[in-house]
PDB file of all heavy atoms in Angstrom:
ATOM      1  N   ASP A   1     -68.302  48.855 -36.551  1.00  0.00           N
ATOM      2  CA  ASP A   1     -67.163  49.879 -36.619  1.00  0.00           C
ATOM      3  C   ASP A   1     -67.072  50.572 -37.967  1.00  0.00           C
ATOM      4  O   ASP A   1     -65.994  50.750 -38.571  1.00  0.00           O
ATOM      5  CB  ASP A   1     -65.781  49.176 -36.344  1.00  0.00           C
ATOM      6  CG  ASP A   1     -65.808  48.461 -35.081  1.00  0.00           C
ATOM      7  OD1 ASP A   1     -66.553  48.732 -34.146  1.00  0.00           O
ATOM      8  OD2 ASP A   1     -64.932  47.437 -34.977  1.00  0.00           O
ATOM      9  N   PHE A   2     -68.251  50.947 -38.536  1.00  0.00           N
ATOM     10  CA  PHE A   2     -68.240  51.249 -39.914  1.00  0.00           C
ATOM     11  C   PHE A   2     -67.859  52.668 -40.193  1.00  0.00           C
ATOM     12  O   PHE A   2     -67.717  53.028 -41.361  1.00  0.00           O
ATOM     13  CB  PHE A   2     -69.580  50.920 -40.637  1.00  0.00           C
ATOM     14  CG  PHE A   2     -70.906  51.763 -40.191  1.00  0.00           C
ATOM     15  CD1 PHE A   2     -71.326  52.744 -40.824  1.00  0.00           C
ATOM     16  CD2 PHE A   2     -71.601  51.175 -39.106  1.00  0.00           C
ATOM     17  CE1 PHE A   2     -72.470  53.383 -40.420  1.00  0.00           C
ATOM     18  CE2 PHE A   2     -72.807  51.763 -38.677  1.00  0.00           C
ATOM     19  CZ  PHE A   2     -73.203  52.908 -39.362  1.00  0.00           C
ATOM     20  N   ILE A   3     -67.545  53.509 -39.210  1.00  0.00           N
ATOM     21  CA  ILE A   3     -66.848  54.742 -39.274  1.00  0.00           C
ATOM     22  C   ILE A   3     -65.713  54.692 -38.341  1.00  0.00           C
ATOM     23  O   ILE A   3     -65.864  54.700 -37.128  1.00  0.00           O
ATOM     24  CB  ILE A   3     -67.735  55.993 -39.052  1.00  0.00           C
ATOM     25  CG1 ILE A   3     -68.863  56.019 -39.949  1.00  0.00           C
ATOM     26  CG2 ILE A   3     -66.885  57.290 -39.144  1.00  0.00           C
ATOM     27  CD1 ILE A   3     -69.941  57.148 -39.639  1.00  0.00           C
ATOM     28  N   PHE A   4     -64.444  54.508 -38.815  1.00  0.00           N
ATOM     29  CA  PHE A   4     -63.312  54.223 -37.938  1.00  0.00           C
ATOM     30  C   PHE A   4     -62.092  54.878 -38.507  1.00  0.00           C
ATOM     31  O   PHE A   4     -62.011  55.241 -39.615  1.00  0.00           O
ATOM     32  CB  PHE A   4     -63.145  52.736 -37.760  1.00  0.00           C
ATOM     33  CG  PHE A   4     -62.498  51.960 -38.952  1.00  0.00           C
ATOM     34  CD1 PHE A   4     -61.237  51.449 -38.855  1.00  0.00           C
ATOM     35  CD2 PHE A   4     -63.082  51.897 -40.187  1.00  0.00           C
ATOM     36  CE1 PHE A   4     -60.562  50.899 -39.903  1.00  0.00           C
ATOM     37  CE2 PHE A   4     -62.580  51.186 -41.239  1.00  0.00           C
ATOM     38  CZ  PHE A   4     -61.290  50.732 -41.172  1.00  0.00           C
ATOM     39  N   GLY A   5     -61.147  55.049 -37.606  1.00  0.00           N
ATOM     40  CA  GLY A   5     -59.841  55.642 -37.926  1.00  0.00           C
ATOM     41  C   GLY A   5     -59.431  56.743 -36.910  1.00  0.00           C
ATOM     42  O   GLY A   5     -60.054  56.939 -35.916  1.00  0.00           O
ATOM     43  N   ASN A   6     -58.365  57.496 -37.333  1.00  0.00           N
ATOM     44  CA  ASN A   6     -57.897  58.484 -36.432  1.00  0.00           C
ATOM     45  C   ASN A   6     -57.588  59.886 -37.106  1.00  0.00           C
ATOM     46  O   ASN A   6     -56.637  60.513 -36.898  1.00  0.00           O
ATOM     47  CB  ASN A   6     -56.543  57.995 -35.770  1.00  0.00           C
ATOM     48  CG  ASN A   6     -56.096  58.805 -34.562  1.00  0.00           C
ATOM     49  OD1 ASN A   6     -56.919  59.462 -33.922  1.00  0.00           O
ATOM     50  ND2 ASN A   6     -54.770  58.904 -34.262  1.00  0.00           N
ATOM     51  N   ALA A   7     -58.578  60.222 -37.977  1.00  0.00           N
ATOM     52  CA  ALA A   7     -58.551  61.543 -38.557  1.00  0.00           C
ATOM     53  C   ALA A   7     -59.146  62.512 -37.563  1.00  0.00           C
ATOM     54  O   ALA A   7     -59.746  62.162 -36.536  1.00  0.00           O
ATOM     55  CB  ALA A   7     -59.379  61.568 -39.848  1.00  0.00           C
ATOM     56  N   ALA A   8     -58.900  63.816 -37.882  1.00  0.00           N
ATOM     57  CA  ALA A   8     -59.786  64.882 -37.175  1.00  0.00           C
ATOM     58  C   ALA A   8     -60.864  65.158 -38.180  1.00  0.00           C
ATOM     59  O   ALA A   8     -60.573  65.834 -39.329  1.00  0.00           O
ATOM     60  CB  ALA A   8     -58.868  66.134 -37.028  1.00  0.00           C
ATOM     61  N   VAL A   9     -62.052  64.753 -37.920  1.00  0.00           N
ATOM     62  CA  VAL A   9     -63.144  64.669 -39.010  1.00  0.00           C
ATOM     63  C   VAL A   9     -64.404  65.088 -38.348  1.00  0.00           C
ATOM     64  O   VAL A   9     -64.722  64.807 -37.213  1.00  0.00           O
ATOM     65  CB  VAL A   9     -63.262  63.246 -39.494  1.00  0.00           C
ATOM     66  CG1 VAL A   9     -63.392  62.228 -38.516  1.00  0.00           C
ATOM     67  CG2 VAL A   9     -64.261  63.157 -40.571  1.00  0.00           C
ATOM     68  N   VAL A  10     -65.203  65.934 -39.187  1.00  0.00           N
ATOM     69  CA  VAL A  10     -66.530  66.335 -38.861  1.00  0.00           C
ATOM     70  C   VAL A  10     -67.509  65.759 -39.942  1.00  0.00           C
ATOM     71  O   VAL A  10     -67.195  65.976 -41.236  1.00  0.00           O
ATOM     72  CB  VAL A  10     -66.638  67.848 -38.781  1.00  0.00           C
ATOM     73  CG1 VAL A  10     -68.122  68.142 -38.552  1.00  0.00           C
ATOM     74  CG2 VAL A  10     -65.760  68.422 -37.645  1.00  0.00           C
ATOM     75  N   PHE A  11     -68.569  65.148 -39.464  1.00  0.00           N
ATOM     76  CA  PHE A  11     -69.633  64.761 -40.388  1.00  0.00           C
ATOM     77  C   PHE A  11     -70.810  65.667 -40.034  1.00  0.00           C
ATOM     78  O   PHE A  11     -71.176  65.775 -38.916  1.00  0.00           O
ATOM     79  CB  PHE A  11     -69.991  63.291 -40.090  1.00  0.00           C
ATOM     80  CG  PHE A  11     -69.052  62.311 -40.368  1.00  0.00           C
ATOM     81  CD1 PHE A  11     -68.055  61.975 -39.504  1.00  0.00           C
ATOM     82  CD2 PHE A  11     -69.071  61.589 -41.553  1.00  0.00           C
ATOM     83  CE1 PHE A  11     -67.135  60.976 -39.838  1.00  0.00           C
ATOM     84  CE2 PHE A  11     -68.124  60.619 -42.027  1.00  0.00           C
ATOM     85  CZ  PHE A  11     -67.175  60.366 -41.092  1.00  0.00           C
ATOM     86  N   GLN A  12     -71.231  66.441 -41.095  1.00  0.00           N
ATOM     87  CA  GLN A  12     -72.233  67.509 -40.828  1.00  0.00           C
ATOM     88  C   GLN A  12     -73.437  67.183 -41.914  1.00  0.00           C
ATOM     89  O   GLN A  12     -73.203  66.974 -43.038  1.00  0.00           O
ATOM     90  CB  GLN A  12     -71.684  68.820 -41.123  1.00  0.00           C
ATOM     91  CG  GLN A  12     -72.525  69.927 -40.600  1.00  0.00           C
ATOM     92  CD  GLN A  12     -71.806  71.258 -40.762  1.00  0.00           C
ATOM     93  OE1 GLN A  12     -71.776  71.885 -41.929  1.00  0.00           O
ATOM     94  NE2 GLN A  12     -71.267  71.781 -39.696  1.00  0.00           N
ATOM     95  N   ASN A  13     -74.653  67.215 -41.285  1.00  0.00           N
ATOM     96  CA  ASN A  13     -75.848  66.958 -42.139  1.00  0.00           C
ATOM     97  C   ASN A  13     -75.742  65.653 -42.857  1.00  0.00           C
ATOM     98  O   ASN A  13     -76.204  65.586 -44.060  1.00  0.00           O
ATOM     99  CB  ASN A  13     -76.026  68.169 -43.104  1.00  0.00           C
ATOM    100  CG  ASN A  13     -76.344  69.481 -42.328  1.00  0.00           C
ATOM    101  OD1 ASN A  13     -75.892  69.732 -41.245  1.00  0.00           O
ATOM    102  ND2 ASN A  13     -77.050  70.396 -43.032  1.00  0.00           N
ATOM    103  N   CYS A  14     -75.347  64.624 -42.333  1.00  0.00           N
ATOM    104  CA  CYS A  14     -75.144  63.369 -42.936  1.00  0.00           C
ATOM    105  C   CYS A  14     -76.246  62.383 -42.483  1.00  0.00           C
ATOM    106  O   CYS A  14     -76.927  62.663 -41.472  1.00  0.00           O
ATOM    107  CB  CYS A  14     -73.736  62.771 -42.636  1.00  0.00           C
ATOM    108  SG  CYS A  14     -72.410  63.630 -43.395  1.00  0.00           S
ATOM    109  N   ASN A  15     -76.484  61.363 -43.247  1.00  0.00           N
ATOM    110  CA  ASN A  15     -77.371  60.293 -42.916  1.00  0.00           C
ATOM    111  C   ASN A  15     -76.570  59.029 -42.587  1.00  0.00           C
ATOM    112  O   ASN A  15     -75.804  58.567 -43.415  1.00  0.00           O
ATOM    113  CB  ASN A  15     -78.312  59.983 -44.027  1.00  0.00           C
ATOM    114  CG  ASN A  15     -79.163  61.212 -44.337  1.00  0.00           C
ATOM    115  OD1 ASN A  15     -79.897  61.701 -43.496  1.00  0.00           O
ATOM    116  ND2 ASN A  15     -79.195  61.649 -45.580  1.00  0.00           N
ATOM    117  N   ILE A  16     -76.712  58.448 -41.405  1.00  0.00           N
ATOM    118  CA  ILE A  16     -75.978  57.275 -40.979  1.00  0.00           C
ATOM    119  C   ILE A  16     -76.863  56.222 -40.832  1.00  0.00           C
ATOM    120  O   ILE A  16     -77.863  56.292 -40.053  1.00  0.00           O
ATOM    121  CB  ILE A  16     -75.250  57.595 -39.682  1.00  0.00           C
ATOM    122  CG1 ILE A  16     -74.225  58.707 -39.886  1.00  0.00           C
ATOM    123  CG2 ILE A  16     -74.493  56.331 -39.202  1.00  0.00           C
ATOM    124  CD1 ILE A  16     -73.505  59.287 -38.660  1.00  0.00           C
ATOM    125  N   TYR A  17     -76.664  54.988 -41.521  1.00  0.00           N
ATOM    126  CA  TYR A  17     -77.608  53.913 -41.711  1.00  0.00           C
ATOM    127  C   TYR A  17     -76.912  52.571 -41.130  1.00  0.00           C
ATOM    128  O   TYR A  17     -76.338  51.870 -42.044  1.00  0.00           O
ATOM    129  CB  TYR A  17     -78.077  53.779 -43.118  1.00  0.00           C
ATOM    130  CG  TYR A  17     -78.858  54.953 -43.730  1.00  0.00           C
ATOM    131  CD1 TYR A  17     -78.360  55.690 -44.639  1.00  0.00           C
ATOM    132  CD2 TYR A  17     -80.146  55.159 -43.140  1.00  0.00           C
ATOM    133  CE1 TYR A  17     -79.163  56.789 -45.179  1.00  0.00           C
ATOM    134  CE2 TYR A  17     -80.901  56.197 -43.805  1.00  0.00           C
ATOM    135  CZ  TYR A  17     -80.430  57.052 -44.697  1.00  0.00           C
ATOM    136  OH  TYR A  17     -81.090  58.046 -45.296  1.00  0.00           O
ATOM    137  N   PRO A  18     -77.067  52.238 -39.960  1.00  0.00           N
ATOM    138  CA  PRO A  18     -76.646  50.896 -39.568  1.00  0.00           C
ATOM    139  C   PRO A  18     -77.503  49.835 -40.307  1.00  0.00           C
ATOM    140  O   PRO A  18     -78.697  49.989 -40.477  1.00  0.00           O
ATOM    141  CB  PRO A  18     -77.035  50.893 -38.072  1.00  0.00           C
ATOM    142  CG  PRO A  18     -76.904  52.292 -37.629  1.00  0.00           C
ATOM    143  CD  PRO A  18     -77.474  53.063 -38.823  1.00  0.00           C
ATOM    144  N   ARG A  19     -76.844  48.804 -40.690  1.00  0.00           N
ATOM    145  CA  ARG A  19     -77.462  47.779 -41.555  1.00  0.00           C
ATOM    146  C   ARG A  19     -77.559  46.451 -40.703  1.00  0.00           C
ATOM    147  O   ARG A  19     -77.197  46.431 -39.564  1.00  0.00           O
ATOM    148  CB  ARG A  19     -76.590  47.460 -42.775  1.00  0.00           C
ATOM    149  CG  ARG A  19     -76.402  48.621 -43.683  1.00  0.00           C
ATOM    150  CD  ARG A  19     -75.435  48.294 -44.774  1.00  0.00           C
ATOM    151  NE  ARG A  19     -76.167  47.948 -46.058  1.00  0.00           N
ATOM    152  CZ  ARG A  19     -75.547  47.961 -47.290  1.00  0.00           C
ATOM    153  NH1 ARG A  19     -74.170  47.989 -47.314  1.00  0.00           N
ATOM    154  NH2 ARG A  19     -76.220  47.691 -48.333  1.00  0.00           N
ATOM    155  N   LEU A  20     -78.101  45.503 -41.315  1.00  0.00           N
ATOM    156  CA  LEU A  20     -78.260  44.090 -40.532  1.00  0.00           C
ATOM    157  C   LEU A  20     -76.960  43.342 -40.624  1.00  0.00           C
ATOM    158  O   LEU A  20     -76.492  43.059 -41.746  1.00  0.00           O
ATOM    159  CB  LEU A  20     -79.401  43.385 -41.191  1.00  0.00           C
ATOM    160  CG  LEU A  20     -79.868  42.111 -40.535  1.00  0.00           C
ATOM    161  CD1 LEU A  20     -80.365  42.385 -39.104  1.00  0.00           C
ATOM    162  CD2 LEU A  20     -80.808  41.252 -41.295  1.00  0.00           C
ATOM    163  N   PRO A  21     -76.251  43.034 -39.525  1.00  0.00           N
ATOM    164  CA  PRO A  21     -75.010  42.287 -39.583  1.00  0.00           C
ATOM    165  C   PRO A  21     -75.376  40.772 -39.550  1.00  0.00           C
ATOM    166  O   PRO A  21     -76.606  40.362 -39.597  1.00  0.00           O
ATOM    167  CB  PRO A  21     -74.410  42.734 -38.270  1.00  0.00           C
ATOM    168  CG  PRO A  21     -75.522  42.936 -37.308  1.00  0.00           C
ATOM    169  CD  PRO A  21     -76.798  43.431 -38.110  1.00  0.00           C
ATOM    170  N   ILE A  22     -74.366  39.891 -39.509  1.00  0.00           N
ATOM    171  CA  ILE A  22     -74.504  38.492 -39.420  1.00  0.00           C
ATOM    172  C   ILE A  22     -75.063  38.175 -38.071  1.00  0.00           C
ATOM    173  O   ILE A  22     -74.924  38.952 -37.024  1.00  0.00           O
ATOM    174  CB  ILE A  22     -73.262  37.666 -39.843  1.00  0.00           C
ATOM    175  CG1 ILE A  22     -72.154  38.051 -38.758  1.00  0.00           C
ATOM    176  CG2 ILE A  22     -72.821  38.050 -41.212  1.00  0.00           C
ATOM    177  CD1 ILE A  22     -71.029  37.162 -38.927  1.00  0.00           C
ATOM    178  N   THR A  23     -75.670  36.959 -37.858  1.00  0.00           N
ATOM    179  CA  THR A  23     -76.236  36.503 -36.691  1.00  0.00           C
ATOM    180  C   THR A  23     -75.144  36.566 -35.571  1.00  0.00           C
ATOM    181  O   THR A  23     -74.017  36.112 -35.775  1.00  0.00           O
ATOM    182  CB  THR A  23     -76.824  35.109 -36.871  1.00  0.00           C
ATOM    183  OG1 THR A  23     -77.792  35.097 -37.830  1.00  0.00           O
ATOM    184  CG2 THR A  23     -77.389  34.674 -35.508  1.00  0.00           C
ATOM    185  N   GLY A  24     -75.450  37.170 -34.437  1.00  0.00           N
ATOM    186  CA  GLY A  24     -74.550  37.218 -33.378  1.00  0.00           C
ATOM    187  C   GLY A  24     -73.799  38.369 -33.160  1.00  0.00           C
ATOM    188  O   GLY A  24     -73.110  38.639 -32.164  1.00  0.00           O
ATOM    189  N   GLN A  25     -73.789  39.173 -34.249  1.00  0.00           N
ATOM    190  CA  GLN A  25     -73.034  40.490 -34.170  1.00  0.00           C
ATOM    191  C   GLN A  25     -73.949  41.639 -33.671  1.00  0.00           C
ATOM    192  O   GLN A  25     -75.107  41.633 -33.902  1.00  0.00           O
ATOM    193  CB  GLN A  25     -72.522  40.908 -35.517  1.00  0.00           C
ATOM    194  CG  GLN A  25     -71.261  40.102 -36.026  1.00  0.00           C
ATOM    195  CD  GLN A  25     -70.696  40.626 -37.325  1.00  0.00           C
ATOM    196  OE1 GLN A  25     -71.480  41.209 -38.161  1.00  0.00           O
ATOM    197  NE2 GLN A  25     -69.465  40.483 -37.548  1.00  0.00           N
ATOM    198  N   PHE A  26     -73.418  42.601 -33.105  1.00  0.00           N
ATOM    199  CA  PHE A  26     -73.991  43.914 -32.887  1.00  0.00           C
ATOM    200  C   PHE A  26     -73.283  44.968 -33.602  1.00  0.00           C
ATOM    201  O   PHE A  26     -72.193  44.900 -34.090  1.00  0.00           O
ATOM    202  CB  PHE A  26     -73.999  44.251 -31.347  1.00  0.00           C
ATOM    203  CG  PHE A  26     -72.584  44.245 -30.757  1.00  0.00           C
ATOM    204  CD1 PHE A  26     -71.871  45.447 -30.708  1.00  0.00           C
ATOM    205  CD2 PHE A  26     -72.092  43.217 -29.959  1.00  0.00           C
ATOM    206  CE1 PHE A  26     -70.606  45.514 -30.195  1.00  0.00           C
ATOM    207  CE2 PHE A  26     -70.802  43.249 -29.421  1.00  0.00           C
ATOM    208  CZ  PHE A  26     -70.063  44.316 -29.510  1.00  0.00           C
ATOM    209  N   ASN A  27     -74.130  46.026 -33.805  1.00  0.00           N
ATOM    210  CA  ASN A  27     -73.572  47.195 -34.673  1.00  0.00           C
ATOM    211  C   ASN A  27     -72.906  48.260 -33.772  1.00  0.00           C
ATOM    212  O   ASN A  27     -73.467  48.580 -32.735  1.00  0.00           O
ATOM    213  CB  ASN A  27     -74.811  47.870 -35.372  1.00  0.00           C
ATOM    214  CG  ASN A  27     -75.248  47.158 -36.533  1.00  0.00           C
ATOM    215  OD1 ASN A  27     -74.550  46.285 -37.296  1.00  0.00           O
ATOM    216  ND2 ASN A  27     -76.571  47.378 -36.751  1.00  0.00           N
ATOM    217  N   THR A  28     -71.782  48.762 -34.232  1.00  0.00           N
ATOM    218  CA  THR A  28     -71.173  49.871 -33.551  1.00  0.00           C
ATOM    219  C   THR A  28     -70.845  50.874 -34.725  1.00  0.00           C
ATOM    220  O   THR A  28     -70.132  50.595 -35.676  1.00  0.00           O
ATOM    221  CB  THR A  28     -69.808  49.480 -32.934  1.00  0.00           C
ATOM    222  OG1 THR A  28     -69.055  48.610 -33.783  1.00  0.00           O
ATOM    223  CG2 THR A  28     -70.118  48.887 -31.619  1.00  0.00           C
ATOM    224  N   ILE A  29     -71.394  52.084 -34.590  1.00  0.00           N
ATOM    225  CA  ILE A  29     -71.309  53.099 -35.716  1.00  0.00           C
ATOM    226  C   ILE A  29     -69.854  53.585 -35.774  1.00  0.00           C
ATOM    227  O   ILE A  29     -69.322  53.620 -36.871  1.00  0.00           O
ATOM    228  CB  ILE A  29     -72.256  54.212 -35.418  1.00  0.00           C
ATOM    229  CG1 ILE A  29     -73.633  53.727 -35.550  1.00  0.00           C
ATOM    230  CG2 ILE A  29     -71.998  55.422 -36.351  1.00  0.00           C
ATOM    231  CD1 ILE A  29     -74.756  54.749 -35.121  1.00  0.00           C
ATOM    232  N   THR A  30     -69.186  53.848 -34.755  1.00  0.00           N
ATOM    233  CA  THR A  30     -67.809  54.379 -34.712  1.00  0.00           C
ATOM    234  C   THR A  30     -66.826  53.542 -34.005  1.00  0.00           C
ATOM    235  O   THR A  30     -67.196  52.827 -32.955  1.00  0.00           O
ATOM    236  CB  THR A  30     -67.841  55.766 -34.170  1.00  0.00           C
ATOM    237  OG1 THR A  30     -68.064  55.733 -32.731  1.00  0.00           O
ATOM    238  CG2 THR A  30     -68.749  56.740 -34.823  1.00  0.00           C
ATOM    239  N   ALA A  31     -65.586  53.603 -34.385  1.00  0.00           N
ATOM    240  CA  ALA A  31     -64.531  53.016 -33.656  1.00  0.00           C
ATOM    241  C   ALA A  31     -63.243  53.964 -33.847  1.00  0.00           C
ATOM    242  O   ALA A  31     -62.529  53.822 -34.817  1.00  0.00           O
ATOM    243  CB  ALA A  31     -64.123  51.619 -34.026  1.00  0.00           C
ATOM    244  N   GLN A  32     -63.140  54.927 -33.014  1.00  0.00           N
ATOM    245  CA  GLN A  32     -62.172  55.960 -33.289  1.00  0.00           C
ATOM    246  C   GLN A  32     -60.802  55.403 -32.740  1.00  0.00           C
ATOM    247  O   GLN A  32     -60.665  54.635 -31.805  1.00  0.00           O
ATOM    248  CB  GLN A  32     -62.629  57.229 -32.461  1.00  0.00           C
ATOM    249  CG  GLN A  32     -62.031  58.516 -33.123  1.00  0.00           C
ATOM    250  CD  GLN A  32     -60.637  58.794 -32.697  1.00  0.00           C
ATOM    251  OE1 GLN A  32     -60.177  58.538 -31.569  1.00  0.00           O
ATOM    252  NE2 GLN A  32     -59.857  59.350 -33.641  1.00  0.00           N
ATOM    253  N   GLY A  33     -59.738  55.999 -33.280  1.00  0.00           N
ATOM    254  CA  GLY A  33     -58.402  55.333 -33.094  1.00  0.00           C
ATOM    255  C   GLY A  33     -57.343  56.276 -32.514  1.00  0.00           C
ATOM    256  O   GLY A  33     -56.122  56.106 -32.842  1.00  0.00           O
ATOM    257  N   ARG A  34     -57.714  57.196 -31.653  1.00  0.00           N
ATOM    258  CA  ARG A  34     -56.693  58.044 -31.049  1.00  0.00           C
ATOM    259  C   ARG A  34     -55.780  57.213 -30.055  1.00  0.00           C
ATOM    260  O   ARG A  34     -56.383  56.568 -29.149  1.00  0.00           O
ATOM    261  CB  ARG A  34     -57.359  59.252 -30.354  1.00  0.00           C
ATOM    262  CG  ARG A  34     -56.354  60.407 -30.070  1.00  0.00           C
ATOM    263  CD  ARG A  34     -57.053  61.656 -29.599  1.00  0.00           C
ATOM    264  NE  ARG A  34     -57.788  61.526 -28.299  1.00  0.00           N
ATOM    265  CZ  ARG A  34     -57.837  62.397 -27.371  1.00  0.00           C
ATOM    266  NH1 ARG A  34     -57.335  63.639 -27.544  1.00  0.00           N
ATOM    267  NH2 ARG A  34     -58.572  62.202 -26.241  1.00  0.00           N
ATOM    268  N   THR A  35     -54.558  57.324 -30.206  1.00  0.00           N
ATOM    269  CA  THR A  35     -53.682  56.550 -29.421  1.00  0.00           C
ATOM    270  C   THR A  35     -52.863  57.342 -28.347  1.00  0.00           C
ATOM    271  O   THR A  35     -52.160  56.784 -27.552  1.00  0.00           O
ATOM    272  CB  THR A  35     -52.592  55.809 -30.265  1.00  0.00           C
ATOM    273  OG1 THR A  35     -51.854  56.721 -31.033  1.00  0.00           O
ATOM    274  CG2 THR A  35     -53.359  54.818 -31.194  1.00  0.00           C
ATOM    275  N   ASP A  36     -53.047  58.701 -28.441  1.00  0.00           N
ATOM    276  CA  ASP A  36     -52.255  59.580 -27.467  1.00  0.00           C
ATOM    277  C   ASP A  36     -53.181  60.776 -27.183  1.00  0.00           C
ATOM    278  O   ASP A  36     -53.775  61.287 -28.088  1.00  0.00           O
ATOM    279  CB  ASP A  36     -51.056  60.046 -28.258  1.00  0.00           C
ATOM    280  CG  ASP A  36     -50.217  60.888 -27.186  1.00  0.00           C
ATOM    281  OD1 ASP A  36     -50.552  61.904 -26.703  1.00  0.00           O
ATOM    282  OD2 ASP A  36     -48.980  60.384 -27.008  1.00  0.00           O
ATOM    283  N   PRO A  37     -53.300  61.135 -25.916  1.00  0.00           N
ATOM    284  CA  PRO A  37     -54.212  62.235 -25.540  1.00  0.00           C
ATOM    285  C   PRO A  37     -53.751  63.598 -26.195  1.00  0.00           C
ATOM    286  O   PRO A  37     -54.577  64.524 -26.208  1.00  0.00           O
ATOM    287  CB  PRO A  37     -54.143  62.331 -24.091  1.00  0.00           C
ATOM    288  CG  PRO A  37     -52.836  61.610 -23.685  1.00  0.00           C
ATOM    289  CD  PRO A  37     -52.623  60.626 -24.757  1.00  0.00           C
ATOM    290  N   ASN A  38     -52.561  63.709 -26.629  1.00  0.00           N
ATOM    291  CA  ASN A  38     -52.089  64.984 -27.355  1.00  0.00           C
ATOM    292  C   ASN A  38     -52.388  64.937 -28.742  1.00  0.00           C
ATOM    293  O   ASN A  38     -52.148  66.089 -29.435  1.00  0.00           O
ATOM    294  CB  ASN A  38     -50.579  65.034 -27.096  1.00  0.00           C
ATOM    295  CG  ASN A  38     -50.158  65.116 -25.631  1.00  0.00           C
ATOM    296  OD1 ASN A  38     -50.730  65.899 -24.817  1.00  0.00           O
ATOM    297  ND2 ASN A  38     -49.307  64.320 -25.109  1.00  0.00           N
ATOM    298  N   GLN A  39     -52.951  63.890 -29.341  1.00  0.00           N
ATOM    299  CA  GLN A  39     -53.303  64.029 -30.772  1.00  0.00           C
ATOM    300  C   GLN A  39     -54.499  64.839 -30.917  1.00  0.00           C
ATOM    301  O   GLN A  39     -55.482  64.742 -30.162  1.00  0.00           O
ATOM    302  CB  GLN A  39     -53.572  62.597 -31.273  1.00  0.00           C
ATOM    303  CG  GLN A  39     -52.309  61.799 -31.441  1.00  0.00           C
ATOM    304  CD  GLN A  39     -52.616  60.395 -31.803  1.00  0.00           C
ATOM    305  OE1 GLN A  39     -53.729  59.860 -31.569  1.00  0.00           O
ATOM    306  NE2 GLN A  39     -51.638  59.673 -32.441  1.00  0.00           N
ATOM    307  N   ASN A  40     -54.542  65.799 -31.888  1.00  0.00           N
ATOM    308  CA  ASN A  40     -55.735  66.623 -32.201  1.00  0.00           C
ATOM    309  C   ASN A  40     -56.665  65.930 -33.082  1.00  0.00           C
ATOM    310  O   ASN A  40     -57.090  66.593 -34.087  1.00  0.00           O
ATOM    311  CB  ASN A  40     -55.259  68.001 -32.625  1.00  0.00           C
ATOM    312  CG  ASN A  40     -54.513  68.012 -33.875  1.00  0.00           C
ATOM    313  OD1 ASN A  40     -54.048  66.938 -34.294  1.00  0.00           O
ATOM    314  ND2 ASN A  40     -54.216  69.169 -34.435  1.00  0.00           N
TER     315      ASN A  40
END
């Protein structure tokens, strides 16, 4: 979940580098936090 939160955000021309987690974990690049469909 290494990019997470509830901003209105654009990443442009960026480099995203998943790393090696601890044994038994899987990587998730994003975990977005919108709690209402009306949030922009």
